[in-house]
Amino acid sequence: QVRLEESGGGLVESGESLRLACSISGSTWDFLEFYIYAWFRQAPGQAREGVSCITTRGGYTNYADSVKGRFTISRDSAKKTVYLQMNNLKPEDTGTYYCTGTPVAADYDCSDYSDPGREYRSWGQGTQVTVSS
């Protein structure tokens, strides 16, 4: 069972940066298996939306249009951690950010990671990001 735990959220002003971390534990990071890890966020009263995705093999990434050029997803295999570097934060980035992961096919490239039909096996509890204007 994969367990995910987010950290790094906080209250910042518009234009500032935060780095979220997703610590991964449990039976994962096996080189015989292929996973994706993704960040989703949810603002009060709004639907959850995909923010970014990264594969454990191949290094594929994908981003929501609203964060392209500002957010960067990365992973540290040795630390079993996935990061989301968020620069030039805007008030509309406010929300609870969740880390999630699931096994995928070997050739998966994160192209449809945010599709509603994609199921994720594990979710973290979330970390709050608040950006003031």
Protein backbone atom coordinates (compact mmCIF):
# COMPACT_ATOMS: atom_id res chain seq x y z
CA GLN A 1 0.00 0.00 0.00
CA VAL A 2 1.43 3.34 -1.08
CA ARG A 3 1.17 6.13 1.48
CA LEU A 4 1.54 9.77 0.54
CA GLU A 5 2.07 12.75 2.80
CA GLU A 6 2.15 16.34 1.61
CA SER A 7 4.01 19.23 3.23
CA GLY A 8 5.16 22.72 2.41
CA GLY A 9 1.91 24.62 2.19
CA GLY A 10 1.43 28.00 3.79
CA LEU A 11 0.29 31.59 3.48
CA VAL A 12 2.21 33.75 1.02
CA GLU A 13 1.70 36.97 -0.87
CA SER A 14 1.07 37.20 -4.57
CA GLY A 15 4.30 36.77 -6.53
CA GLU A 16 6.02 34.68 -3.89
CA SER A 17 7.03 31.02 -4.08
CA LEU A 18 6.39 27.77 -2.26
CA ARG A 19 7.71 24.25 -2.68
CA LEU A 20 5.37 21.42 -1.87
CA ALA A 21 6.74 17.98 -1.08
CA CYS A 22 5.03 14.61 -1.29
CA SER A 23 6.72 11.92 0.76
CA ILE A 24 6.07 8.42 -0.55
CA SER A 25 6.22 5.27 1.55
CA GLY A 26 5.04 1.74 1.20
CA SER A 27 5.47 -0.68 -1.65
CA THR A 28 6.50 1.53 -4.53
CA TRP A 29 9.40 2.84 -6.53
CA ASP A 30 10.04 -0.67 -7.70
CA PHE A 31 11.87 -0.55 -11.01
CA LEU A 32 9.66 -3.33 -12.29
CA GLU A 33 6.61 -1.12 -11.84
CA PHE A 34 5.56 2.11 -13.46
CA TYR A 35 3.80 4.86 -11.64
CA ILE A 36 2.63 8.38 -12.09
CA TYR A 37 2.46 10.92 -9.31
CA ALA A 38 0.31 13.97 -9.66
CA TRP A 39 -0.72 17.08 -7.83
CA PHE A 40 -4.35 18.14 -7.72
CA ARG A 41 -5.86 21.13 -5.98
CA GLN A 42 -9.27 22.12 -4.79
CA ALA A 43 -10.49 25.57 -3.86
CA PRO A 44 -13.53 26.04 -1.63
CA GLY A 45 -16.72 25.51 -3.61
CA GLN A 46 -14.86 24.38 -6.69
CA ALA A 47 -14.15 21.05 -8.31
CA ARG A 48 -10.80 19.39 -7.87
CA GLU A 49 -8.45 20.08 -10.75
CA GLY A 50 -5.24 18.52 -11.95
CA VAL A 51 -2.16 20.67 -11.57
CA SER A 52 0.74 18.52 -12.71
CA CYS A 53 1.90 14.97 -13.30
CA ILE A 54 5.21 13.11 -13.52
CA THR A 55 6.06 9.54 -14.47
CA THR A 56 8.52 7.44 -12.53
CA ARG A 57 10.03 6.17 -15.76
CA GLY A 58 10.68 8.25 -18.86
CA GLY A 59 10.52 11.57 -17.05
CA TYR A 60 7.27 12.67 -18.68
CA THR A 61 5.54 15.66 -17.15
CA ASN A 62 2.37 17.59 -17.81
CA TYR A 63 0.88 20.78 -16.41
CA ALA A 64 -2.43 22.56 -16.29
CA ASP A 65 -2.45 25.55 -18.61
CA SER A 66 -3.00 27.86 -15.65
CA VAL A 67 0.33 26.92 -14.06
CA LYS A 68 2.58 26.37 -17.09
CA GLY A 69 5.73 28.42 -16.82
CA ARG A 70 5.23 28.98 -13.08
CA PHE A 71 5.11 25.50 -11.54
CA THR A 72 7.66 22.71 -11.89
CA ILE A 73 7.16 19.10 -10.83
CA SER A 74 10.16 16.94 -10.02
CA ARG A 75 11.06 13.80 -8.13
CA ASP A 76 13.92 12.58 -6.02
CA SER A 77 14.09 8.80 -6.26
CA ALA A 78 16.58 8.48 -3.41
CA LYS A 79 14.35 10.46 -1.07
CA LYS A 80 11.13 8.95 -2.46
CA THR A 81 9.70 12.42 -2.73
CA VAL A 82 7.85 14.32 -5.42
CA TYR A 83 8.07 18.11 -5.39
CA LEU A 84 5.98 20.91 -6.79
CA GLN A 85 7.90 24.17 -7.06
CA MET A 86 5.41 26.99 -7.34
CA ASN A 87 6.71 30.39 -8.41
CA ASN A 88 4.93 33.68 -9.01
CA LEU A 89 1.94 32.49 -7.04
CA LYS A 90 -1.40 34.13 -7.67
CA PRO A 91 -4.51 34.37 -5.48
CA GLU A 92 -6.26 31.95 -7.83
CA ASP A 93 -3.68 29.30 -6.85
CA THR A 94 -5.24 29.20 -3.38
CA GLY A 95 -6.57 25.81 -2.38
CA THR A 96 -5.80 22.48 -0.81
CA TYR A 97 -3.13 20.65 -2.74
CA TYR A 98 -3.21 16.87 -2.86
CA CYS A 99 -0.57 14.40 -3.93
CA THR A 100 -1.71 11.23 -5.59
CA GLY A 101 -0.27 8.27 -7.40
CA THR A 102 -1.21 5.18 -9.29
CA PRO A 103 0.36 2.42 -11.37
CA VAL A 104 0.26 2.93 -15.13
CA ALA A 105 1.36 1.23 -18.32
CA ALA A 106 5.05 1.41 -19.16
CA ASP A 107 4.54 3.85 -22.05
CA TYR A 108 2.20 6.25 -20.26
CA ASP A 109 3.13 9.91 -20.67
CA CYS A 110 0.82 11.86 -18.30
CA SER A 111 -1.26 13.03 -21.26
CA ASP A 112 -4.64 12.39 -19.60
CA TYR A 113 -3.68 12.44 -15.94
CA SER A 114 -6.43 14.90 -15.03
CA ASP A 115 -9.24 13.15 -16.87
CA PRO A 116 -12.15 12.42 -14.50
CA GLY A 117 -12.14 8.79 -15.53
CA ARG A 118 -8.59 8.16 -14.38
CA GLU A 119 -8.53 6.46 -11.02
CA TYR A 120 -5.77 7.04 -8.52
CA ARG A 121 -4.92 4.37 -6.03
CA SER A 122 -3.49 6.54 -3.26
CA TRP A 123 -4.10 10.08 -2.01
CA GLY A 124 -2.49 12.23 0.63
CA GLN A 125 -4.38 14.30 3.19
CA GLY A 126 -3.58 17.59 1.48
CA THR A 127 -1.70 20.76 2.34
CA GLN A 128 -3.23 24.23 2.31
CA VAL A 129 -1.85 26.95 0.07
CA THR A 130 -3.19 30.46 0.53
CA VAL A 131 -2.04 33.33 -1.66
CA SER A 132 -3.03 36.82 -0.62
CA SER A 133 -3.29 39.67 -3.10
